[in-house]
């Protein structure tokens, strides 16, 4: 095992995620692919290797302890974060990665195939236009929108039991105060990403009976 793999496994453990050697290797392979594609498609502004591990892999994985349900949607997935790293460590769950930009989803499809993920599908559309007959169990959103806009945008994906998991920086008191009627904060967890000098919170939002 390389030093990079071992360090990644150790740091993932600090945020509550136990990685196998194989999972760590495949996650790092994902970054290799992202760097190659980034030269042509400009998928990420973060290109320094350690920063990519912190900001793409570890940050994505930080929500793993809060995952629930079997059908999970990642809205505004971009280059596949947080959906791809989470799909890697939760193979029993089905992930739909949604974005309106075709080049980003081409990378996601390629990357999922390259690292052997069979539990990932992609959907190119604006999330506001979606209203599946069966709601998702969980909706993930990382750097998508302010919380009031987020829950409005994903309303069509949600049923009464759906949980919306939002990645935020500082604790968004102002945004929470402006949640639309019928939504509430169910859980909040502060997360310290190793070597990332930034405040991080994972918020779980649910609908409440009116």
C-alpha atoms as a PDB file:
ATOM      1  CA  UNK A   1       0.000   0.000   0.000  1.00  0.00           C
ATOM      2  CA  UNK A   2       1.318   3.452  -0.881  1.00  0.00           C
ATOM      3  CA  UNK A   3       1.882   6.162   1.700  1.00  0.00           C
ATOM      4  CA  UNK A   4      -0.876   8.209   0.043  1.00  0.00           C
ATOM      5  CA  UNK A   5      -3.363   5.356   0.384  1.00  0.00           C
ATOM      6  CA  UNK A   6      -2.517   4.766   4.033  1.00  0.00           C
ATOM      7  CA  UNK A   7      -2.798   8.457   4.876  1.00  0.00           C
ATOM      8  CA  UNK A   8      -6.153   8.673   3.083  1.00  0.00           C
ATOM      9  CA  UNK A   9      -7.465   5.648   5.003  1.00  0.00           C
ATOM     10  CA  UNK A  10      -6.260   7.135   8.309  1.00  0.00           C
ATOM     11  CA  UNK A  11      -7.846  10.517   7.608  1.00  0.00           C
ATOM     12  CA  UNK A  12     -11.137   8.971   6.476  1.00  0.00           C
ATOM     13  CA  UNK A  13     -11.284   7.133   9.788  1.00  0.00           C
ATOM     14  CA  UNK A  14     -11.147  10.490  11.584  1.00  0.00           C
ATOM     15  CA  UNK A  15     -14.445  11.502   9.943  1.00  0.00           C
ATOM     16  CA  UNK A  16     -16.153   8.177  10.680  1.00  0.00           C
ATOM     17  CA  UNK A  17     -15.460   6.280   7.450  1.00  0.00           C
ATOM     18  CA  UNK A  18     -13.630   2.929   7.402  1.00  0.00           C
ATOM     19  CA  UNK A  19     -12.090   2.369   3.976  1.00  0.00           C
ATOM     20  CA  UNK A  20     -10.669  -0.877   2.634  1.00  0.00           C
ATOM     21  CA  UNK A  21      -7.403  -0.780   0.682  1.00  0.00           C
ATOM     22  CA  UNK A  22      -9.397  -1.434  -2.482  1.00  0.00           C
ATOM     23  CA  UNK A  23     -11.817   1.433  -1.822  1.00  0.00           C
ATOM     24  CA  UNK A  24      -8.967   3.831  -1.099  1.00  0.00           C
ATOM     25  CA  UNK A  25      -7.183   2.801  -4.281  1.00  0.00           C
ATOM     26  CA  UNK A  26     -10.305   3.283  -6.399  1.00  0.00           C
ATOM     27  CA  UNK A  27     -11.097   6.664  -4.821  1.00  0.00           C
ATOM     28  CA  UNK A  28      -7.582   7.895  -5.608  1.00  0.00           C
ATOM     29  CA  UNK A  29      -7.965   6.522  -9.141  1.00  0.00           C
ATOM     30  CA  UNK A  30     -11.030   8.754  -9.427  1.00  0.00           C
ATOM     31  CA  UNK A  31      -8.780  11.765  -8.796  1.00  0.00           C
ATOM     32  CA  UNK A  32      -6.321  10.521 -11.434  1.00  0.00           C
ATOM     33  CA  UNK A  33      -9.142  10.465 -13.981  1.00  0.00           C
ATOM     34  CA  UNK A  34     -10.412  13.872 -12.884  1.00  0.00           C
ATOM     35  CA  UNK A  35      -6.984  15.429 -13.420  1.00  0.00           C
ATOM     36  CA  UNK A  36      -6.724  13.971 -16.921  1.00  0.00           C
ATOM     37  CA  UNK A  37     -10.186  15.163 -17.962  1.00  0.00           C
ATOM     38  CA  UNK A  38      -9.713  18.516 -16.256  1.00  0.00           C
ATOM     39  CA  UNK A  39      -7.035  19.501 -18.762  1.00  0.00           C
ATOM     40  CA  UNK A  40      -9.670  19.511 -21.486  1.00  0.00           C
ATOM     41  CA  UNK A  41     -12.971  20.140 -19.724  1.00  0.00           C
ATOM     42  CA  UNK A  42     -12.129  22.364 -16.713  1.00  0.00           C
ATOM     43  CA  UNK A  43     -14.175  20.332 -14.242  1.00  0.00           C
ATOM     44  CA  UNK A  44     -12.487  21.563 -11.057  1.00  0.00           C
ATOM     45  CA  UNK A  45     -10.450  24.566  -9.963  1.00  0.00           C
ATOM     46  CA  UNK A  46      -8.735  22.431  -7.320  1.00  0.00           C
ATOM     47  CA  UNK A  47      -5.807  20.589  -8.907  1.00  0.00           C
ATOM     48  CA  UNK A  48      -3.245  20.211  -6.115  1.00  0.00           C
ATOM     49  CA  UNK A  49      -3.298  16.557  -5.080  1.00  0.00           C
ATOM     50  CA  UNK A  50      -3.586  16.910  -1.289  1.00  0.00           C
ATOM     51  CA  UNK A  51      -6.220  19.624  -1.690  1.00  0.00           C
ATOM     52  CA  UNK A  52      -8.224  17.338  -4.000  1.00  0.00           C
ATOM     53  CA  UNK A  53      -8.149  14.558  -1.424  1.00  0.00           C
ATOM     54  CA  UNK A  54      -9.392  16.930   1.279  1.00  0.00           C
ATOM     55  CA  UNK A  55     -11.892  18.989  -0.707  1.00  0.00           C
ATOM     56  CA  UNK A  56     -13.260  16.320  -3.056  1.00  0.00           C
ATOM     57  CA  UNK A  57     -12.861  12.929  -1.375  1.00  0.00           C
ATOM     58  CA  UNK A  58     -12.856  13.541   2.376  1.00  0.00           C
ATOM     59  CA  UNK A  59     -15.408  16.346   2.228  1.00  0.00           C
ATOM     60  CA  UNK A  60     -17.736  14.162   0.148  1.00  0.00           C
ATOM     61  CA  UNK A  61     -17.299  11.198   2.487  1.00  0.00           C
ATOM     62  CA  UNK A  62     -17.982  13.278   5.592  1.00  0.00           C
ATOM     63  CA  UNK A  63     -21.737  12.743   5.157  1.00  0.00           C
ATOM     64  CA  UNK A  64     -21.421   8.959   5.077  1.00  0.00           C
ATOM     65  CA  UNK A  65     -22.513   8.440   8.731  1.00  0.00           C
ATOM     66  CA  UNK A  66     -25.797  10.224   7.925  1.00  0.00           C
ATOM     67  CA  UNK A  67     -26.736   8.273   4.805  1.00  0.00           C
ATOM     68  CA  UNK A  68     -30.092   6.513   4.975  1.00  0.00           C
ATOM     69  CA  UNK A  69     -32.369   4.689   2.573  1.00  0.00           C
ATOM     70  CA  UNK A  70     -31.545   2.840  -0.639  1.00  0.00           C
ATOM     71  CA  UNK A  71     -32.315   5.396  -3.373  1.00  0.00           C
ATOM     72  CA  UNK A  72     -30.226   8.544  -3.180  1.00  0.00           C
ATOM     73  CA  UNK A  73     -30.127  11.549  -5.516  1.00  0.00           C
ATOM     74  CA  UNK A  74     -27.107  13.858  -5.730  1.00  0.00           C
ATOM     75  CA  UNK A  75     -28.306  17.183  -7.154  1.00  0.00           C
ATOM     76  CA  UNK A  76     -25.892  19.492  -8.949  1.00  0.00           C
ATOM     77  CA  UNK A  77     -23.285  16.736  -8.770  1.00  0.00           C
ATOM     78  CA  UNK A  78     -20.790  18.537 -11.020  1.00  0.00           C
ATOM     79  CA  UNK A  79     -17.832  16.209 -11.515  1.00  0.00           C
ATOM     80  CA  UNK A  80     -19.484  13.606  -9.291  1.00  0.00           C
ATOM     81  CA  UNK A  81     -19.058  14.906  -5.773  1.00  0.00           C
ATOM     82  CA  UNK A  82     -20.266  13.833  -3.298  1.00  0.00           C
ATOM     83  CA  UNK A  83     -22.063  11.054  -5.210  1.00  0.00           C
ATOM     84  CA  UNK A  84     -19.133   9.051  -6.593  1.00  0.00           C
ATOM     85  CA  UNK A  85     -17.102   8.736  -3.351  1.00  0.00           C
ATOM     86  CA  UNK A  86     -20.272   7.875  -1.395  1.00  0.00           C
ATOM     87  CA  UNK A  87     -21.366   5.298  -3.977  1.00  0.00           C
ATOM     88  CA  UNK A  88     -17.948   3.706  -3.637  1.00  0.00           C
ATOM     89  CA  UNK A  89     -18.302   3.166   0.122  1.00  0.00           C
ATOM     90  CA  UNK A  90     -22.048   2.371   0.039  1.00  0.00           C
ATOM     91  CA  UNK A  91     -22.395  -0.236  -2.746  1.00  0.00           C
ATOM     92  CA  UNK A  92     -25.723  -1.435  -1.347  1.00  0.00           C
ATOM     93  CA  UNK A  93     -27.325   1.930  -2.196  1.00  0.00           C
ATOM     94  CA  UNK A  94     -28.356   3.228  -5.624  1.00  0.00           C
ATOM     95  CA  UNK A  95     -27.190   6.734  -6.523  1.00  0.00           C
ATOM     96  CA  UNK A  96     -28.618   9.004  -9.225  1.00  0.00           C
ATOM     97  CA  UNK A  97     -26.218  11.859 -10.035  1.00  0.00           C
ATOM     98  CA  UNK A  98     -28.049  14.837 -11.514  1.00  0.00           C
ATOM     99  CA  UNK A  99     -26.609  17.838 -13.341  1.00  0.00           C
ATOM    100  CA  UNK A 100     -27.635  20.044 -16.246  1.00  0.00           C
ATOM    101  CA  UNK A 101     -24.138  20.154 -17.809  1.00  0.00           C
ATOM    102  CA  UNK A 102     -23.444  17.345 -20.272  1.00  0.00           C
ATOM    103  CA  UNK A 103     -19.628  17.415 -20.097  1.00  0.00           C
ATOM    104  CA  UNK A 104     -19.718  16.928 -16.339  1.00  0.00           C
ATOM    105  CA  UNK A 105     -21.968  13.895 -16.622  1.00  0.00           C
ATOM    106  CA  UNK A 106     -19.801  12.442 -19.386  1.00  0.00           C
ATOM    107  CA  UNK A 107     -16.956  12.485 -16.902  1.00  0.00           C
ATOM    108  CA  UNK A 108     -19.139  11.015 -14.142  1.00  0.00           C
ATOM    109  CA  UNK A 109     -20.206   8.133 -16.403  1.00  0.00           C
ATOM    110  CA  UNK A 110     -16.603   7.495 -17.468  1.00  0.00           C
ATOM    111  CA  UNK A 111     -15.298   7.673 -13.908  1.00  0.00           C
ATOM    112  CA  UNK A 112     -17.980   5.356 -12.519  1.00  0.00           C
ATOM    113  CA  UNK A 113     -17.137   2.791 -15.182  1.00  0.00           C
ATOM    114  CA  UNK A 114     -13.382   3.179 -14.669  1.00  0.00           C
ATOM    115  CA  UNK A 115     -13.496   2.592 -10.909  1.00  0.00           C
ATOM    116  CA  UNK A 116     -16.065  -0.180 -11.198  1.00  0.00           C
ATOM    117  CA  UNK A 117     -19.200   1.391  -9.753  1.00  0.00           C
ATOM    118  CA  UNK A 118     -22.399  -0.417 -10.752  1.00  0.00           C
ATOM    119  CA  UNK A 119     -24.697   1.551  -8.428  1.00  0.00           C
ATOM    120  CA  UNK A 120     -24.484   4.920 -10.222  1.00  0.00           C
ATOM    121  CA  UNK A 121     -26.753   6.349 -12.915  1.00  0.00           C
ATOM    122  CA  UNK A 122     -26.726   9.881 -14.326  1.00  0.00           C
ATOM    123  CA  UNK A 123     -29.497  12.236 -15.303  1.00  0.00           C
ATOM    124  CA  UNK A 124     -28.912  15.391 -17.366  1.00  0.00           C
ATOM    125  CA  UNK A 125     -31.633  17.881 -16.508  1.00  0.00           C
ATOM    126  CA  UNK A 126     -32.489  20.764 -14.238  1.00  0.00           C
ATOM    127  CA  UNK A 127     -33.516  19.249 -10.941  1.00  0.00           C
ATOM    128  CA  UNK A 128     -36.528  21.589 -10.679  1.00  0.00           C
ATOM    129  CA  UNK A 129     -38.120  19.766 -13.628  1.00  0.00           C
ATOM    130  CA  UNK A 130     -38.045  16.338 -11.979  1.00  0.00           C
ATOM    131  CA  UNK A 131     -40.992  14.637 -10.343  1.00  0.00           C
ATOM    132  CA  UNK A 132     -40.405  10.858 -10.267  1.00  0.00           C
ATOM    133  CA  UNK A 133     -43.323   8.582  -9.433  1.00  0.00           C
ATOM    134  CA  UNK A 134     -41.329   7.092  -6.562  1.00  0.00           C
ATOM    135  CA  UNK A 135     -39.625   9.711  -4.366  1.00  0.00           C
ATOM    136  CA  UNK A 136     -35.993   9.344  -3.330  1.00  0.00           C
ATOM    137  CA  UNK A 137     -35.122   8.253   0.182  1.00  0.00           C
ATOM    138  CA  UNK A 138     -32.417  10.912   0.424  1.00  0.00           C
ATOM    139  CA  UNK A 139     -31.313  13.948  -1.579  1.00  0.00           C
ATOM    140  CA  UNK A 140     -27.703  15.154  -1.329  1.00  0.00           C
ATOM    141  CA  UNK A 141     -26.673  18.733  -2.069  1.00  0.00           C
ATOM    142  CA  UNK A 142     -23.131  20.074  -1.885  1.00  0.00           C
ATOM    143  CA  UNK A 143     -22.557  23.720  -2.866  1.00  0.00           C
ATOM    144  CA  UNK A 144     -25.924  23.732  -4.625  1.00  0.00           C
ATOM    145  CA  UNK A 145     -27.938  26.650  -3.255  1.00  0.00           C
ATOM    146  CA  UNK A 146     -29.056  28.410  -0.101  1.00  0.00           C
ATOM    147  CA  UNK A 147     -31.270  26.132   1.972  1.00  0.00           C
ATOM    148  CA  UNK A 148     -34.630  27.819   1.156  1.00  0.00           C
ATOM    149  CA  UNK A 149     -33.848  27.602  -2.587  1.00  0.00           C
ATOM    150  CA  UNK A 150     -32.532  24.051  -2.208  1.00  0.00           C
ATOM    151  CA  UNK A 151     -35.659  22.568  -0.670  1.00  0.00           C
ATOM    152  CA  UNK A 152     -37.847  24.404  -3.188  1.00  0.00           C
ATOM    153  CA  UNK A 153     -35.745  23.066  -6.084  1.00  0.00           C
ATOM    154  CA  UNK A 154     -35.793  19.430  -4.906  1.00  0.00           C
ATOM    155  CA  UNK A 155     -39.431  19.341  -3.794  1.00  0.00           C
ATOM    156  CA  UNK A 156     -40.388  17.152  -6.772  1.00  0.00           C
ATOM    157  CA  UNK A 157     -37.858  14.483  -5.727  1.00  0.00           C
ATOM    158  CA  UNK A 158     -39.189  14.278  -2.197  1.00  0.00           C
ATOM    159  CA  UNK A 159     -41.903  12.358  -0.417  1.00  0.00           C
ATOM    160  CA  UNK A 160     -42.970  12.652   3.218  1.00  0.00           C
ATOM    161  CA  UNK A 161     -40.076  10.448   4.394  1.00  0.00           C
ATOM    162  CA  UNK A 162     -37.310  11.918   2.190  1.00  0.00           C
ATOM    163  CA  UNK A 163     -34.319  13.391   3.995  1.00  0.00           C
ATOM    164  CA  UNK A 164     -32.368  16.233   2.368  1.00  0.00           C
ATOM    165  CA  UNK A 165     -28.704  16.245   3.340  1.00  0.00           C
ATOM    166  CA  UNK A 166     -26.994  19.597   2.775  1.00  0.00           C
ATOM    167  CA  UNK A 167     -23.255  20.232   2.987  1.00  0.00           C
ATOM    168  CA  UNK A 168     -22.587  23.726   4.327  1.00  0.00           C
ATOM    169  CA  UNK A 169     -19.622  25.725   5.558  1.00  0.00           C
ATOM    170  CA  UNK A 170     -20.458  27.860   8.588  1.00  0.00           C
ATOM    171  CA  UNK A 171     -23.692  27.060  10.424  1.00  0.00           C
ATOM    172  CA  UNK A 172     -26.397  28.725   8.254  1.00  0.00           C
ATOM    173  CA  UNK A 173     -28.672  30.234  10.901  1.00  0.00           C
ATOM    174  CA  UNK A 174     -30.074  32.862   8.530  1.00  0.00           C
ATOM    175  CA  UNK A 175     -30.912  30.289   5.839  1.00  0.00           C
ATOM    176  CA  UNK A 176     -32.576  27.990   8.368  1.00  0.00           C
ATOM    177  CA  UNK A 177     -34.737  30.848   9.595  1.00  0.00           C
ATOM    178  CA  UNK A 178     -36.051  31.300   6.050  1.00  0.00           C
ATOM    179  CA  UNK A 179     -36.962  27.667   5.296  1.00  0.00           C
ATOM    180  CA  UNK A 180     -40.327  27.421   3.533  1.00  0.00           C
ATOM    181  CA  UNK A 181     -43.315  26.360   5.593  1.00  0.00           C
ATOM    182  CA  UNK A 182     -43.379  22.583   5.938  1.00  0.00           C
ATOM    183  CA  UNK A 183     -39.594  22.093   6.227  1.00  0.00           C
ATOM    184  CA  UNK A 184     -37.490  21.848   9.364  1.00  0.00           C
ATOM    185  CA  UNK A 185     -33.985  20.995  10.499  1.00  0.00           C
ATOM    186  CA  UNK A 186     -33.871  17.428  11.874  1.00  0.00           C
ATOM    187  CA  UNK A 187     -30.150  17.129  12.595  1.00  0.00           C
ATOM    188  CA  UNK A 188     -26.935  19.095  12.327  1.00  0.00           C
ATOM    189  CA  UNK A 189     -23.393  17.808  12.659  1.00  0.00           C
ATOM    190  CA  UNK A 190     -20.185  19.833  12.694  1.00  0.00           C
ATOM    191  CA  UNK A 191     -17.400  18.095  10.771  1.00  0.00           C
ATOM    192  CA  UNK A 192     -13.672  18.692  10.917  1.00  0.00           C
ATOM    193  CA  UNK A 193     -12.022  17.598   7.670  1.00  0.00           C
ATOM    194  CA  UNK A 194      -8.355  16.734   8.400  1.00  0.00           C
ATOM    195  CA  UNK A 195      -6.015  19.532   7.288  1.00  0.00           C
ATOM    196  CA  UNK A 196      -8.889  21.589   5.889  1.00  0.00           C
ATOM    197  CA  UNK A 197      -8.938  24.898   7.698  1.00  0.00           C
ATOM    198  CA  UNK A 198     -12.604  25.599   7.179  1.00  0.00           C
ATOM    199  CA  UNK A 199     -15.836  25.206   9.107  1.00  0.00           C
ATOM    200  CA  UNK A 200     -18.075  22.410   7.804  1.00  0.00           C
ATOM    201  CA  UNK A 201     -21.588  21.293   8.758  1.00  0.00           C
ATOM    202  CA  UNK A 202     -23.833  18.492   7.498  1.00  0.00           C
ATOM    203  CA  UNK A 203     -27.509  19.380   7.874  1.00  0.00           C
ATOM    204  CA  UNK A 204     -30.460  17.012   7.564  1.00  0.00           C
ATOM    205  CA  UNK A 205     -33.734  18.650   6.515  1.00  0.00           C
ATOM    206  CA  UNK A 206     -37.130  16.952   6.563  1.00  0.00           C
ATOM    207  CA  UNK A 207     -40.719  17.846   5.786  1.00  0.00           C
ATOM    208  CA  UNK A 208     -43.168  18.156   8.620  1.00  0.00           C
ATOM    209  CA  UNK A 209     -46.890  17.611   8.555  1.00  0.00           C
ATOM    210  CA  UNK A 210     -48.817  20.853   8.251  1.00  0.00           C
END
